[in-house]
Amino acid sequence: MGGFADKAKDFAEQHPDKVQQGIDRGGDAVDERTGNKYESQVDQGQEKAGDFLCTGQQDQKDQQN
């Protein structure tokens, strides 16, 4: 990962609640602007982003490779 990505990952590990809050707010903003037309896709994206940033699933994938 690049420098910015490393910093983002470190922040996410230290403040998972704030990261999840940001992901939720971003998804809510998309839903609002699209009239919930893509709600299920947005929800999936929010879930994957939260998993990637907050639970370290990417680290697990890296260890498997």
PDB file of N, CA and C in Angstrom:
ATOM      1  N   MET A   1       0.835  -1.181   0.000  1.00  0.00           N
ATOM      2  CA  MET A   1       0.000   0.000   0.000  1.00  0.00           C
ATOM      3  C   MET A   1       0.880   1.244   0.000  1.00  0.00           C
ATOM      4  N   GLY A   2       0.325   2.299  -0.558  1.00  0.00           N
ATOM      5  CA  GLY A   2       1.028   3.565  -0.566  1.00  0.00           C
ATOM      6  C   GLY A   2       0.940   4.260   0.777  1.00  0.00           C
ATOM      7  N   GLY A   3       1.614   5.387   0.906  1.00  0.00           N
ATOM      8  CA  GLY A   3       1.654   6.125   2.157  1.00  0.00           C
ATOM      9  C   GLY A   3       0.279   6.534   2.654  1.00  0.00           C
ATOM     10  N   PHE A   4      -0.545   7.075   1.744  1.00  0.00           N
ATOM     11  CA  PHE A   4      -1.892   7.496   2.149  1.00  0.00           C
ATOM     12  C   PHE A   4      -2.725   6.304   2.598  1.00  0.00           C
ATOM     13  N   ALA A   5      -2.653   5.220   1.867  1.00  0.00           N
ATOM     14  CA  ALA A   5      -3.432   4.031   2.216  1.00  0.00           C
ATOM     15  C   ALA A   5      -2.994   3.473   3.563  1.00  0.00           C
ATOM     16  N   ASP A   6      -1.691   3.497   3.828  1.00  0.00           N
ATOM     17  CA  ASP A   6      -1.194   3.028   5.123  1.00  0.00           C
ATOM     18  C   ASP A   6      -1.730   3.894   6.259  1.00  0.00           C
ATOM     19  N   LYS A   7      -1.725   5.205   6.059  1.00  0.00           N
ATOM     20  CA  LYS A   7      -2.240   6.114   7.084  1.00  0.00           C
ATOM     21  C   LYS A   7      -3.726   5.892   7.313  1.00  0.00           C
ATOM     22  N   ALA A   8      -4.478   5.690   6.228  1.00  0.00           N
ATOM     23  CA  ALA A   8      -5.916   5.443   6.348  1.00  0.00           C
ATOM     24  C   ALA A   8      -6.171   4.148   7.109  1.00  0.00           C
ATOM     25  N   LYS A   9      -5.412   3.124   6.800  1.00  0.00           N
ATOM     26  CA  LYS A   9      -5.570   1.834   7.474  1.00  0.00           C
ATOM     27  C   LYS A   9      -5.233   1.968   8.958  1.00  0.00           C
ATOM     28  N   ASP A  10      -4.165   2.690   9.270  1.00  0.00           N
ATOM     29  CA  ASP A  10      -3.795   2.904  10.672  1.00  0.00           C
ATOM     30  C   ASP A  10      -4.899   3.648  11.419  1.00  0.00           C
ATOM     31  N   PHE A  11      -5.431   4.699  10.792  1.00  0.00           N
ATOM     32  CA  PHE A  11      -6.517   5.460  11.413  1.00  0.00           C
ATOM     33  C   PHE A  11      -7.719   4.554  11.652  1.00  0.00           C
ATOM     34  N   ALA A  12      -8.046   3.736  10.661  1.00  0.00           N
ATOM     35  CA  ALA A  12      -9.202   2.844  10.783  1.00  0.00           C
ATOM     36  C   ALA A  12      -9.024   1.854  11.925  1.00  0.00           C
ATOM     37  N   GLU A  13      -7.810   1.360  12.095  1.00  0.00           N
ATOM     38  CA  GLU A  13      -7.559   0.415  13.175  1.00  0.00           C
ATOM     39  C   GLU A  13      -7.682   1.088  14.539  1.00  0.00           C
ATOM     40  N   GLN A  14      -7.285   2.364  14.619  1.00  0.00           N
ATOM     41  CA  GLN A  14      -7.325   3.088  15.885  1.00  0.00           C
ATOM     42  C   GLN A  14      -8.715   3.650  16.193  1.00  0.00           C
ATOM     43  N   HIS A  15      -9.503   3.931  15.147  1.00  0.00           N
ATOM     44  CA  HIS A  15     -10.804   4.591  15.325  1.00  0.00           C
ATOM     45  C   HIS A  15     -11.884   3.939  14.457  1.00  0.00           C
ATOM     46  N   PRO A  16     -12.155   2.658  14.667  1.00  0.00           N
ATOM     47  CA  PRO A  16     -13.132   1.978  13.793  1.00  0.00           C
ATOM     48  C   PRO A  16     -14.532   2.579  13.881  1.00  0.00           C
ATOM     49  N   ASP A  17     -14.883   3.132  15.034  1.00  0.00           N
ATOM     50  CA  ASP A  17     -16.213   3.729  15.184  1.00  0.00           C
ATOM     51  C   ASP A  17     -16.364   4.957  14.293  1.00  0.00           C
ATOM     52  N   LYS A  18     -15.337   5.777  14.224  1.00  0.00           N
ATOM     53  CA  LYS A  18     -15.386   6.970  13.382  1.00  0.00           C
ATOM     54  C   LYS A  18     -15.394   6.600  11.900  1.00  0.00           C
ATOM     55  N   VAL A  19     -14.648   5.578  11.548  1.00  0.00           N
ATOM     56  CA  VAL A  19     -14.609   5.132  10.154  1.00  0.00           C
ATOM     57  C   VAL A  19     -15.977   4.604   9.740  1.00  0.00           C
ATOM     58  N   GLN A  20     -16.580   3.778  10.579  1.00  0.00           N
ATOM     59  CA  GLN A  20     -17.900   3.232  10.260  1.00  0.00           C
ATOM     60  C   GLN A  20     -18.929   4.349  10.153  1.00  0.00           C
ATOM     61  N   GLN A  21     -18.824   5.337  11.030  1.00  0.00           N
ATOM     62  CA  GLN A  21     -19.741   6.477  10.979  1.00  0.00           C
ATOM     63  C   GLN A  21     -19.600   7.219   9.647  1.00  0.00           C
ATOM     64  N   GLY A  22     -18.371   7.397   9.179  1.00  0.00           N
ATOM     65  CA  GLY A  22     -18.141   8.063   7.902  1.00  0.00           C
ATOM     66  C   GLY A  22     -18.677   7.255   6.733  1.00  0.00           C
ATOM     67  N   ILE A  23     -18.489   5.950   6.787  1.00  0.00           N
ATOM     68  CA  ILE A  23     -19.010   5.072   5.730  1.00  0.00           C
ATOM     69  C   ILE A  23     -20.534   5.152   5.701  1.00  0.00           C
ATOM     70  N   ASP A  24     -21.141   5.109   6.871  1.00  0.00           N
ATOM     71  CA  ASP A  24     -22.606   5.182   6.955  1.00  0.00           C
ATOM     72  C   ASP A  24     -23.127   6.514   6.416  1.00  0.00           C
ATOM     73  N   ARG A  25     -22.483   7.598   6.802  1.00  0.00           N
ATOM     74  CA  ARG A  25     -22.914   8.920   6.330  1.00  0.00           C
ATOM     75  C   ARG A  25     -22.751   9.044   4.818  1.00  0.00           C
ATOM     76  N   GLY A  26     -21.654   8.525   4.291  1.00  0.00           N
ATOM     77  CA  GLY A  26     -21.449   8.572   2.851  1.00  0.00           C
ATOM     78  C   GLY A  26     -22.519   7.792   2.110  1.00  0.00           C
ATOM     79  N   GLY A  27     -22.835   6.607   2.597  1.00  0.00           N
ATOM     80  CA  GLY A  27     -23.875   5.800   1.979  1.00  0.00           C
ATOM     81  C   GLY A  27     -25.238   6.457   2.071  1.00  0.00           C
ATOM     82  N   ASP A  28     -25.516   7.068   3.200  1.00  0.00           N
ATOM     83  CA  ASP A  28     -26.793   7.772   3.370  1.00  0.00           C
ATOM     84  C   ASP A  28     -26.906   8.939   2.394  1.00  0.00           C
ATOM     85  N   ALA A  29     -25.791   9.639   2.182  1.00  0.00           N
ATOM     86  CA  ALA A  29     -25.795  10.766   1.235  1.00  0.00           C
ATOM     87  C   ALA A  29     -26.059  10.282  -0.186  1.00  0.00           C
ATOM     88  N   VAL A  30     -25.455   9.159  -0.562  1.00  0.00           N
ATOM     89  CA  VAL A  30     -25.701   8.597  -1.892  1.00  0.00           C
ATOM     90  C   VAL A  30     -27.160   8.186  -2.028  1.00  0.00           C
ATOM     91  N   ASP A  31     -27.670   7.506  -1.001  1.00  0.00           N
ATOM     92  CA  ASP A  31     -29.082   7.098  -1.039  1.00  0.00           C
ATOM     93  C   ASP A  31     -29.999   8.310  -1.196  1.00  0.00           C
ATOM     94  N   GLU A  32     -29.703   9.370  -0.485  1.00  0.00           N
ATOM     95  CA  GLU A  32     -30.538  10.567  -0.543  1.00  0.00           C
ATOM     96  C   GLU A  32     -30.505  11.187  -1.943  1.00  0.00           C
ATOM     97  N   ARG A  33     -29.309  11.277  -2.514  1.00  0.00           N
ATOM     98  CA  ARG A  33     -29.184  11.930  -3.824  1.00  0.00           C
ATOM     99  C   ARG A  33     -29.749  11.074  -4.954  1.00  0.00           C
ATOM    100  N   THR A  34     -29.813   9.761  -4.757  1.00  0.00           N
ATOM    101  CA  THR A  34     -30.338   8.887  -5.802  1.00  0.00           C
ATOM    102  C   THR A  34     -31.770   8.457  -5.530  1.00  0.00           C
ATOM    103  N   GLY A  35     -32.366   8.985  -4.474  1.00  0.00           N
ATOM    104  CA  GLY A  35     -33.726   8.591  -4.130  1.00  0.00           C
ATOM    105  C   GLY A  35     -33.833   7.124  -3.764  1.00  0.00           C
ATOM    106  N   ASN A  36     -32.804   6.585  -3.149  1.00  0.00           N
ATOM    107  CA  ASN A  36     -32.732   5.176  -2.731  1.00  0.00           C
ATOM    108  C   ASN A  36     -32.819   4.197  -3.898  1.00  0.00           C
ATOM    109  N   LYS A  37     -32.581   4.677  -5.103  1.00  0.00           N
ATOM    110  CA  LYS A  37     -32.673   3.823  -6.291  1.00  0.00           C
ATOM    111  C   LYS A  37     -31.644   2.684  -6.247  1.00  0.00           C
ATOM    112  N   TYR A  38     -30.495   2.956  -5.653  1.00  0.00           N
ATOM    113  CA  TYR A  38     -29.409   1.963  -5.603  1.00  0.00           C
ATOM    114  C   TYR A  38     -29.113   1.536  -4.173  1.00  0.00           C
ATOM    115  N   GLU A  39     -30.140   1.543  -3.345  1.00  0.00           N
ATOM    116  CA  GLU A  39     -29.957   1.307  -1.910  1.00  0.00           C
ATOM    117  C   GLU A  39     -29.246  -0.013  -1.608  1.00  0.00           C
ATOM    118  N   SER A  40     -29.636  -1.087  -2.274  1.00  0.00           N
ATOM    119  CA  SER A  40     -29.010  -2.379  -1.967  1.00  0.00           C
ATOM    120  C   SER A  40     -27.547  -2.403  -2.376  1.00  0.00           C
ATOM    121  N   GLN A  41     -27.214  -1.771  -3.511  1.00  0.00           N
ATOM    122  CA  GLN A  41     -25.821  -1.714  -3.939  1.00  0.00           C
ATOM    123  C   GLN A  41     -24.996  -0.840  -2.990  1.00  0.00           C
ATOM    124  N   VAL A  42     -25.579   0.263  -2.550  1.00  0.00           N
ATOM    125  CA  VAL A  42     -24.896   1.155  -1.609  1.00  0.00           C
ATOM    126  C   VAL A  42     -24.664   0.422  -0.292  1.00  0.00           C
ATOM    127  N   ASP A  43     -25.662  -0.308   0.173  1.00  0.00           N
ATOM    128  CA  ASP A  43     -25.517  -1.066   1.419  1.00  0.00           C
ATOM    129  C   ASP A  43     -24.394  -2.097   1.299  1.00  0.00           C
ATOM    130  N   GLN A  44     -24.323  -2.770   0.160  1.00  0.00           N
ATOM    131  CA  GLN A  44     -23.248  -3.743  -0.056  1.00  0.00           C
ATOM    132  C   GLN A  44     -21.886  -3.061  -0.037  1.00  0.00           C
ATOM    133  N   GLY A  45     -21.802  -1.911  -0.683  1.00  0.00           N
ATOM    134  CA  GLY A  45     -20.547  -1.164  -0.691  1.00  0.00           C
ATOM    135  C   GLY A  45     -20.144  -0.707   0.696  1.00  0.00           C
ATOM    136  N   GLN A  46     -21.123  -0.250   1.480  1.00  0.00           N
ATOM    137  CA  GLN A  46     -20.846   0.166   2.852  1.00  0.00           C
ATOM    138  C   GLN A  46     -20.317  -1.018   3.669  1.00  0.00           C
ATOM    139  N   GLU A  47     -20.938  -2.152   3.499  1.00  0.00           N
ATOM    140  CA  GLU A  47     -20.523  -3.331   4.252  1.00  0.00           C
ATOM    141  C   GLU A  47     -19.104  -3.746   3.886  1.00  0.00           C
ATOM    142  N   LYS A  48     -18.816  -3.778   2.591  1.00  0.00           N
ATOM    143  CA  LYS A  48     -17.476  -4.170   2.152  1.00  0.00           C
ATOM    144  C   LYS A  48     -16.424  -3.166   2.589  1.00  0.00           C
ATOM    145  N   ALA A  49     -16.750  -1.884   2.521  1.00  0.00           N
ATOM    146  CA  ALA A  49     -15.805  -0.857   2.962  1.00  0.00           C
ATOM    147  C   ALA A  49     -15.535  -0.987   4.461  1.00  0.00           C
ATOM    148  N   GLY A  50     -16.584  -1.216   5.224  1.00  0.00           N
ATOM    149  CA  GLY A  50     -16.411  -1.405   6.660  1.00  0.00           C
ATOM    150  C   GLY A  50     -15.574  -2.627   6.977  1.00  0.00           C
ATOM    151  N   ASP A  51     -15.834  -3.707   6.268  1.00  0.00           N
ATOM    152  CA  ASP A  51     -15.047  -4.928   6.467  1.00  0.00           C
ATOM    153  C   ASP A  51     -13.581  -4.685   6.131  1.00  0.00           C
ATOM    154  N   PHE A  52     -13.340  -4.029   5.008  1.00  0.00           N
ATOM    155  CA  PHE A  52     -11.973  -3.788   4.558  1.00  0.00           C
ATOM    156  C   PHE A  52     -11.217  -2.909   5.540  1.00  0.00           C
ATOM    157  N   LEU A  53     -11.849  -1.845   5.979  1.00  0.00           N
ATOM    158  CA  LEU A  53     -11.151  -0.873   6.820  1.00  0.00           C
ATOM    159  C   LEU A  53     -11.154  -1.227   8.298  1.00  0.00           C
ATOM    160  N   CYS A  54     -12.228  -1.824   8.779  1.00  0.00           N
ATOM    161  CA  CYS A  54     -12.386  -1.973  10.228  1.00  0.00           C
ATOM    162  C   CYS A  54     -12.078  -3.362  10.756  1.00  0.00           C
ATOM    163  N   THR A  55     -12.262  -4.387   9.979  1.00  0.00           N
ATOM    164  CA  THR A  55     -12.071  -5.730  10.521  1.00  0.00           C
ATOM    165  C   THR A  55     -10.792  -6.382  10.067  1.00  0.00           C
ATOM    166  N   GLY A  56     -10.067  -5.741   9.162  1.00  0.00           N
ATOM    167  CA  GLY A  56      -8.794  -6.292   8.726  1.00  0.00           C
ATOM    168  C   GLY A  56      -8.907  -7.481   7.797  1.00  0.00           C
ATOM    169  N   GLN A  57     -10.024  -7.622   7.104  1.00  0.00           N
ATOM    170  CA  GLN A  57     -10.167  -8.754   6.197  1.00  0.00           C
ATOM    171  C   GLN A  57      -9.124  -8.714   5.092  1.00  0.00           C
ATOM    172  N   GLN A  58      -8.719  -7.522   4.676  1.00  0.00           N
ATOM    173  CA  GLN A  58      -7.703  -7.432   3.640  1.00  0.00           C
ATOM    174  C   GLN A  58      -6.391  -8.025   4.151  1.00  0.00           C
ATOM    175  N   ASP A  59      -6.066  -7.798   5.422  1.00  0.00           N
ATOM    176  CA  ASP A  59      -4.856  -8.374   6.005  1.00  0.00           C
ATOM    177  C   ASP A  59      -4.923  -9.898   5.971  1.00  0.00           C
ATOM    178  N   GLN A  60      -6.100 -10.459   6.243  1.00  0.00           N
ATOM    179  CA  GLN A  60      -6.266 -11.898   6.200  1.00  0.00           C
ATOM    180  C   GLN A  60      -6.060 -12.417   4.786  1.00  0.00           C
ATOM    181  N   LYS A  61      -6.574 -11.705   3.787  1.00  0.00           N
ATOM    182  CA  LYS A  61      -6.410 -12.108   2.399  1.00  0.00           C
ATOM    183  C   LYS A  61      -4.943 -12.056   2.006  1.00  0.00           C
ATOM    184  N   ASP A  62      -4.224 -11.022   2.454  1.00  0.00           N
ATOM    185  CA  ASP A  62      -2.811 -10.889   2.144  1.00  0.00           C
ATOM    186  C   ASP A  62      -2.017 -12.047   2.731  1.00  0.00           C
ATOM    187  N   GLN A  63      -2.380 -12.508   3.918  1.00  0.00           N
ATOM    188  CA  GLN A  63      -1.676 -13.611   4.543  1.00  0.00           C
ATOM    189  C   GLN A  63      -1.921 -14.924   3.817  1.00  0.00           C
ATOM    190  N   GLN A  64      -3.067 -15.056   3.161  1.00  0.00           N
ATOM    191  CA  GLN A  64      -3.385 -16.271   2.435  1.00  0.00           C
ATOM    192  C   GLN A  64      -2.607 -16.361   1.134  1.00  0.00           C
ATOM    193  N   ASN A  65      -2.223 -15.221   0.544  1.00  0.00           N
ATOM    194  CA  ASN A  65      -1.516 -15.210  -0.753  1.00  0.00           C
ATOM    195  C   ASN A  65      -0.054 -15.431  -0.598  1.00  0.00           C
TER     196      ASN A  65
END
